[in-house]
């Protein structure tokens, strides 16, 4: 994949995370604060726990940092975990739900 293709897919992922936060906040009382600085988004939940998503351009990866640990994703028709092969938005939903104490669904 070229750097341009990586950036297009990665920017789409970050935009989808932001849109999911807006949708979650409109539909629930979860109060997920999302702050984007360049290629990084910090999600902060009402209990002050955080999840950080950032782009690793040299590796063409997206990294997800949660209370449970760090996870790396590469694009292969979707953002796939380099360890388990799981899908990014499914993993983000599970970790966000666990950390916030509410069922939260993030979509691509």
N, C-alpha and C. Protein backbone atom coordinates (compact mmCIF):
# COMPACT_ATOMS: atom_id res chain seq x y z
N UNK A 1 0.86 -1.17 0.00
CA UNK A 1 0.00 0.00 0.00
C UNK A 1 0.91 1.23 0.00
N UNK A 2 0.53 2.22 -0.78
CA UNK A 2 1.31 3.45 -0.81
C UNK A 2 1.01 4.28 0.43
N UNK A 3 1.88 5.24 0.72
CA UNK A 3 1.65 6.13 1.86
C UNK A 3 0.36 6.92 1.69
N UNK A 4 0.05 7.31 0.47
CA UNK A 4 -1.19 8.06 0.21
C UNK A 4 -2.41 7.20 0.51
N UNK A 5 -2.39 5.94 0.08
CA UNK A 5 -3.51 5.03 0.36
C UNK A 5 -3.65 4.81 1.87
N UNK A 6 -2.52 4.60 2.54
CA UNK A 6 -2.56 4.43 4.00
C UNK A 6 -3.23 5.64 4.66
N UNK A 7 -2.79 6.83 4.29
CA UNK A 7 -3.34 8.05 4.90
C UNK A 7 -4.83 8.20 4.63
N UNK A 8 -5.28 7.83 3.43
CA UNK A 8 -6.72 7.90 3.13
C UNK A 8 -7.51 6.95 4.04
N UNK A 9 -7.05 5.72 4.17
CA UNK A 9 -7.74 4.75 5.02
C UNK A 9 -7.67 5.16 6.50
N UNK A 10 -6.51 5.65 6.92
CA UNK A 10 -6.34 6.04 8.32
C UNK A 10 -7.19 7.26 8.67
N UNK A 11 -7.24 8.24 7.78
CA UNK A 11 -8.07 9.42 8.02
C UNK A 11 -9.54 9.05 8.06
N UNK A 12 -9.95 8.11 7.22
CA UNK A 12 -11.34 7.63 7.24
C UNK A 12 -11.66 6.98 8.58
N UNK A 13 -10.71 6.21 9.11
CA UNK A 13 -10.90 5.57 10.41
C UNK A 13 -11.06 6.63 11.50
N UNK A 14 -10.19 7.62 11.54
CA UNK A 14 -10.28 8.66 12.57
C UNK A 14 -11.59 9.44 12.46
N UNK A 15 -12.00 9.75 11.23
CA UNK A 15 -13.27 10.46 11.03
C UNK A 15 -14.44 9.61 11.51
N UNK A 16 -14.38 8.31 11.27
CA UNK A 16 -15.46 7.41 11.72
C UNK A 16 -15.51 7.33 13.24
N UNK A 17 -14.36 7.35 13.90
CA UNK A 17 -14.33 7.35 15.37
C UNK A 17 -15.00 8.62 15.89
N UNK A 18 -14.65 9.76 15.29
CA UNK A 18 -15.25 11.03 15.71
C UNK A 18 -16.76 11.02 15.49
N UNK A 19 -17.20 10.53 14.34
CA UNK A 19 -18.64 10.47 14.04
C UNK A 19 -19.35 9.53 15.01
N UNK A 20 -18.71 8.41 15.34
CA UNK A 20 -19.31 7.48 16.31
C UNK A 20 -19.46 8.13 17.67
N UNK A 21 -18.46 8.89 18.09
CA UNK A 21 -18.56 9.60 19.38
C UNK A 21 -19.74 10.56 19.37
N UNK A 22 -19.90 11.31 18.29
CA UNK A 22 -21.03 12.24 18.19
C UNK A 22 -22.36 11.48 18.27
N UNK A 23 -22.45 10.37 17.54
CA UNK A 23 -23.68 9.57 17.55
C UNK A 23 -23.95 9.00 18.94
N UNK A 24 -22.92 8.47 19.58
CA UNK A 24 -23.07 7.91 20.93
C UNK A 24 -23.53 8.98 21.90
N UNK A 25 -22.94 10.16 21.82
CA UNK A 25 -23.31 11.24 22.74
C UNK A 25 -24.73 11.73 22.50
N UNK A 26 -25.18 11.71 21.24
CA UNK A 26 -26.56 12.12 20.93
C UNK A 26 -27.58 11.08 21.39
N UNK A 27 -27.21 9.81 21.33
CA UNK A 27 -28.16 8.72 21.60
C UNK A 27 -28.14 8.21 23.05
N UNK A 28 -27.08 8.53 23.79
CA UNK A 28 -26.95 8.00 25.15
C UNK A 28 -26.48 9.10 26.10
N UNK A 29 -26.35 8.76 27.35
CA UNK A 29 -25.78 9.70 28.31
C UNK A 29 -24.34 9.30 28.66
N UNK A 30 -23.65 8.68 27.71
CA UNK A 30 -22.29 8.19 27.93
C UNK A 30 -21.28 9.32 28.11
N UNK A 31 -21.48 10.45 27.46
CA UNK A 31 -20.58 11.60 27.56
C UNK A 31 -19.14 11.22 27.23
N UNK A 32 -18.94 10.76 25.99
CA UNK A 32 -17.60 10.42 25.51
C UNK A 32 -16.99 11.67 24.90
N UNK A 33 -15.95 12.18 25.53
CA UNK A 33 -15.25 13.35 25.01
C UNK A 33 -14.17 12.86 24.06
N UNK A 34 -14.13 13.43 22.85
CA UNK A 34 -13.07 13.05 21.92
C UNK A 34 -12.31 14.29 21.51
N UNK A 35 -11.00 14.18 21.60
CA UNK A 35 -10.14 15.30 21.27
C UNK A 35 -9.11 14.81 20.27
N UNK A 36 -9.08 15.49 19.12
CA UNK A 36 -8.14 15.09 18.08
C UNK A 36 -7.03 16.12 17.95
N UNK A 37 -5.81 15.62 17.91
CA UNK A 37 -4.64 16.45 17.65
C UNK A 37 -3.84 15.72 16.58
N UNK A 38 -3.86 16.25 15.37
CA UNK A 38 -3.15 15.61 14.27
C UNK A 38 -3.67 14.21 14.03
N UNK A 39 -2.78 13.23 14.08
CA UNK A 39 -3.14 11.84 13.84
C UNK A 39 -3.45 11.06 15.10
N UNK A 40 -3.91 11.76 16.15
CA UNK A 40 -4.21 11.09 17.41
C UNK A 40 -5.56 11.57 17.95
N UNK A 41 -6.36 10.62 18.43
CA UNK A 41 -7.62 10.94 19.10
C UNK A 41 -7.56 10.36 20.51
N UNK A 42 -7.92 11.20 21.48
CA UNK A 42 -8.04 10.75 22.86
C UNK A 42 -9.51 10.72 23.21
N UNK A 43 -10.00 9.56 23.62
CA UNK A 43 -11.38 9.41 24.09
C UNK A 43 -11.33 9.42 25.61
N UNK A 44 -12.13 10.29 26.22
CA UNK A 44 -12.19 10.35 27.68
C UNK A 44 -13.63 10.09 28.09
N UNK A 45 -13.80 9.15 29.00
CA UNK A 45 -15.13 8.76 29.47
C UNK A 45 -15.48 9.50 30.76
N UNK A 46 -16.74 9.43 31.15
CA UNK A 46 -17.22 10.14 32.34
C UNK A 46 -16.43 9.76 33.59
N UNK A 47 -15.93 8.52 33.65
CA UNK A 47 -15.15 8.07 34.81
C UNK A 47 -13.67 8.46 34.70
N UNK A 48 -13.35 9.27 33.69
CA UNK A 48 -12.02 9.82 33.42
C UNK A 48 -11.02 8.82 32.85
N UNK A 49 -11.45 7.60 32.58
CA UNK A 49 -10.54 6.67 31.90
C UNK A 49 -10.42 7.10 30.44
N UNK A 50 -9.33 6.72 29.82
CA UNK A 50 -9.07 7.16 28.45
C UNK A 50 -8.68 6.00 27.54
N UNK A 51 -8.96 6.21 26.26
CA UNK A 51 -8.47 5.35 25.18
C UNK A 51 -7.80 6.28 24.19
N UNK A 52 -6.64 5.88 23.70
CA UNK A 52 -5.91 6.70 22.73
C UNK A 52 -5.74 5.91 21.44
N UNK A 53 -6.06 6.58 20.34
CA UNK A 53 -5.92 6.01 19.00
C UNK A 53 -4.93 6.90 18.27
N UNK A 54 -3.86 6.32 17.73
CA UNK A 54 -2.95 7.16 16.97
C UNK A 54 -2.40 6.44 15.75
N UNK A 55 -2.04 7.26 14.78
CA UNK A 55 -1.49 6.75 13.53
C UNK A 55 0.01 6.56 13.67
N UNK A 56 0.50 5.46 13.17
CA UNK A 56 1.93 5.19 13.11
C UNK A 56 2.30 5.13 11.63
N UNK A 57 2.53 6.32 11.06
CA UNK A 57 2.74 6.45 9.62
C UNK A 57 3.91 5.62 9.10
N UNK A 58 5.08 5.62 9.76
CA UNK A 58 6.20 4.84 9.20
C UNK A 58 5.89 3.34 9.08
N UNK A 59 5.05 2.83 9.99
CA UNK A 59 4.69 1.41 9.98
C UNK A 59 3.39 1.14 9.23
N UNK A 60 2.71 2.20 8.81
CA UNK A 60 1.38 2.11 8.18
C UNK A 60 0.42 1.34 9.08
N UNK A 61 0.42 1.70 10.36
CA UNK A 61 -0.45 1.06 11.34
C UNK A 61 -1.27 2.10 12.08
N UNK A 62 -2.32 1.62 12.74
CA UNK A 62 -3.08 2.40 13.71
C UNK A 62 -2.91 1.68 15.04
N UNK A 63 -2.60 2.44 16.07
CA UNK A 63 -2.41 1.86 17.40
C UNK A 63 -3.56 2.27 18.31
N UNK A 64 -4.00 1.33 19.13
CA UNK A 64 -5.08 1.53 20.08
C UNK A 64 -4.52 1.26 21.47
N UNK A 65 -4.57 2.27 22.36
CA UNK A 65 -4.07 2.11 23.73
C UNK A 65 -5.26 2.16 24.68
N UNK A 66 -5.45 1.08 25.44
CA UNK A 66 -6.57 0.97 26.38
C UNK A 66 -6.03 0.51 27.73
N UNK A 67 -6.91 0.47 28.72
CA UNK A 67 -6.50 -0.05 30.03
C UNK A 67 -6.03 -1.50 29.94
N UNK A 68 -6.56 -2.23 28.98
CA UNK A 68 -6.21 -3.65 28.81
C UNK A 68 -4.88 -3.85 28.10
N UNK A 69 -4.34 -2.79 27.48
CA UNK A 69 -3.07 -2.92 26.78
C UNK A 69 -3.06 -2.16 25.46
N UNK A 70 -2.00 -2.40 24.70
CA UNK A 70 -1.83 -1.75 23.40
C UNK A 70 -2.06 -2.74 22.27
N UNK A 71 -2.68 -2.25 21.20
CA UNK A 71 -3.05 -3.09 20.07
C UNK A 71 -2.67 -2.39 18.78
N UNK A 72 -2.18 -3.15 17.81
CA UNK A 72 -1.75 -2.60 16.52
C UNK A 72 -2.63 -3.16 15.41
N UNK A 73 -2.93 -2.30 14.42
CA UNK A 73 -3.82 -2.68 13.31
C UNK A 73 -3.19 -2.27 11.99
N UNK A 74 -3.30 -3.15 11.00
CA UNK A 74 -2.90 -2.86 9.62
C UNK A 74 -4.12 -2.98 8.74
N UNK A 75 -4.12 -2.21 7.65
CA UNK A 75 -5.26 -2.24 6.74
C UNK A 75 -5.11 -3.38 5.75
N UNK A 76 -6.15 -4.23 5.69
CA UNK A 76 -6.20 -5.35 4.75
C UNK A 76 -7.67 -5.55 4.41
N UNK A 77 -8.22 -4.67 3.62
CA UNK A 77 -9.64 -4.54 3.31
C UNK A 77 -10.43 -4.02 4.50
N UNK A 78 -9.90 -4.17 5.70
CA UNK A 78 -10.39 -3.50 6.92
C UNK A 78 -9.20 -3.43 7.88
N UNK A 79 -9.35 -2.67 8.96
CA UNK A 79 -8.27 -2.54 9.94
C UNK A 79 -8.26 -3.78 10.82
N UNK A 80 -7.23 -4.61 10.61
CA UNK A 80 -7.13 -5.93 11.25
C UNK A 80 -5.99 -5.91 12.28
N UNK A 81 -6.26 -6.49 13.47
CA UNK A 81 -5.23 -6.61 14.51
C UNK A 81 -4.06 -7.44 14.00
N UNK A 82 -2.86 -6.97 14.28
CA UNK A 82 -1.67 -7.72 13.85
C UNK A 82 -1.45 -8.96 14.71
N UNK A 83 -2.13 -9.07 15.85
CA UNK A 83 -1.99 -10.24 16.73
C UNK A 83 -3.11 -11.25 16.52
N UNK A 84 -4.34 -10.81 16.75
CA UNK A 84 -5.48 -11.74 16.72
C UNK A 84 -6.24 -11.76 15.41
N UNK A 85 -6.02 -10.75 14.57
CA UNK A 85 -6.78 -10.66 13.32
C UNK A 85 -8.15 -10.05 13.50
N UNK A 86 -8.45 -9.55 14.70
CA UNK A 86 -9.77 -8.96 14.97
C UNK A 86 -9.89 -7.59 14.32
N UNK A 87 -11.12 -7.12 14.20
CA UNK A 87 -11.42 -5.87 13.52
C UNK A 87 -11.36 -4.70 14.49
N UNK A 88 -10.80 -3.57 14.04
CA UNK A 88 -10.57 -2.40 14.89
C UNK A 88 -11.83 -1.92 15.61
N UNK A 89 -12.92 -1.68 14.88
CA UNK A 89 -14.11 -1.09 15.49
C UNK A 89 -14.78 -2.04 16.48
N UNK A 90 -14.69 -3.32 16.23
CA UNK A 90 -15.20 -4.31 17.18
C UNK A 90 -14.39 -4.25 18.47
N UNK A 91 -13.07 -4.20 18.33
CA UNK A 91 -12.19 -4.11 19.50
C UNK A 91 -12.41 -2.80 20.25
N UNK A 92 -12.49 -1.69 19.52
CA UNK A 92 -12.72 -0.39 20.16
C UNK A 92 -14.03 -0.41 20.93
N UNK A 93 -15.07 -0.96 20.34
CA UNK A 93 -16.38 -1.04 21.02
C UNK A 93 -16.27 -1.84 22.32
N UNK A 94 -15.58 -2.96 22.27
CA UNK A 94 -15.44 -3.81 23.46
C UNK A 94 -14.65 -3.10 24.56
N UNK A 95 -13.54 -2.47 24.19
CA UNK A 95 -12.72 -1.78 25.20
C UNK A 95 -13.42 -0.54 25.74
N UNK A 96 -14.08 0.21 24.87
CA UNK A 96 -14.81 1.41 25.33
C UNK A 96 -15.95 1.01 26.25
N UNK A 97 -16.64 -0.06 25.93
CA UNK A 97 -17.74 -0.54 26.78
C UNK A 97 -17.20 -0.96 28.14
N UNK A 98 -16.10 -1.67 28.14
CA UNK A 98 -15.50 -2.13 29.39
C UNK A 98 -15.05 -0.95 30.25
N UNK A 99 -14.38 0.00 29.63
CA UNK A 99 -13.85 1.13 30.39
C UNK A 99 -14.92 2.10 30.86
N UNK A 100 -15.96 2.29 30.07
CA UNK A 100 -17.00 3.27 30.42
C UNK A 100 -18.07 2.67 31.32
N UNK A 101 -18.20 1.33 31.30
CA UNK A 101 -19.25 0.68 32.06
C UNK A 101 -20.60 0.73 31.36
N UNK A 102 -20.60 1.11 30.08
CA UNK A 102 -21.83 1.19 29.28
C UNK A 102 -21.59 0.46 27.96
N UNK A 103 -22.64 -0.08 27.37
CA UNK A 103 -22.52 -0.73 26.06
C UNK A 103 -22.40 0.36 24.99
N UNK A 104 -21.22 0.45 24.38
CA UNK A 104 -20.96 1.46 23.35
C UNK A 104 -20.59 0.77 22.05
N UNK A 105 -21.12 1.28 20.94
CA UNK A 105 -20.88 0.67 19.62
C UNK A 105 -20.25 1.71 18.71
N UNK A 106 -19.02 1.44 18.28
CA UNK A 106 -18.32 2.29 17.32
C UNK A 106 -18.41 1.62 15.95
N UNK A 107 -18.67 2.42 14.90
CA UNK A 107 -18.86 1.90 13.54
C UNK A 107 -17.86 2.54 12.59
N UNK A 108 -17.57 1.81 11.53
CA UNK A 108 -16.70 2.36 10.48
C UNK A 108 -17.50 3.24 9.54
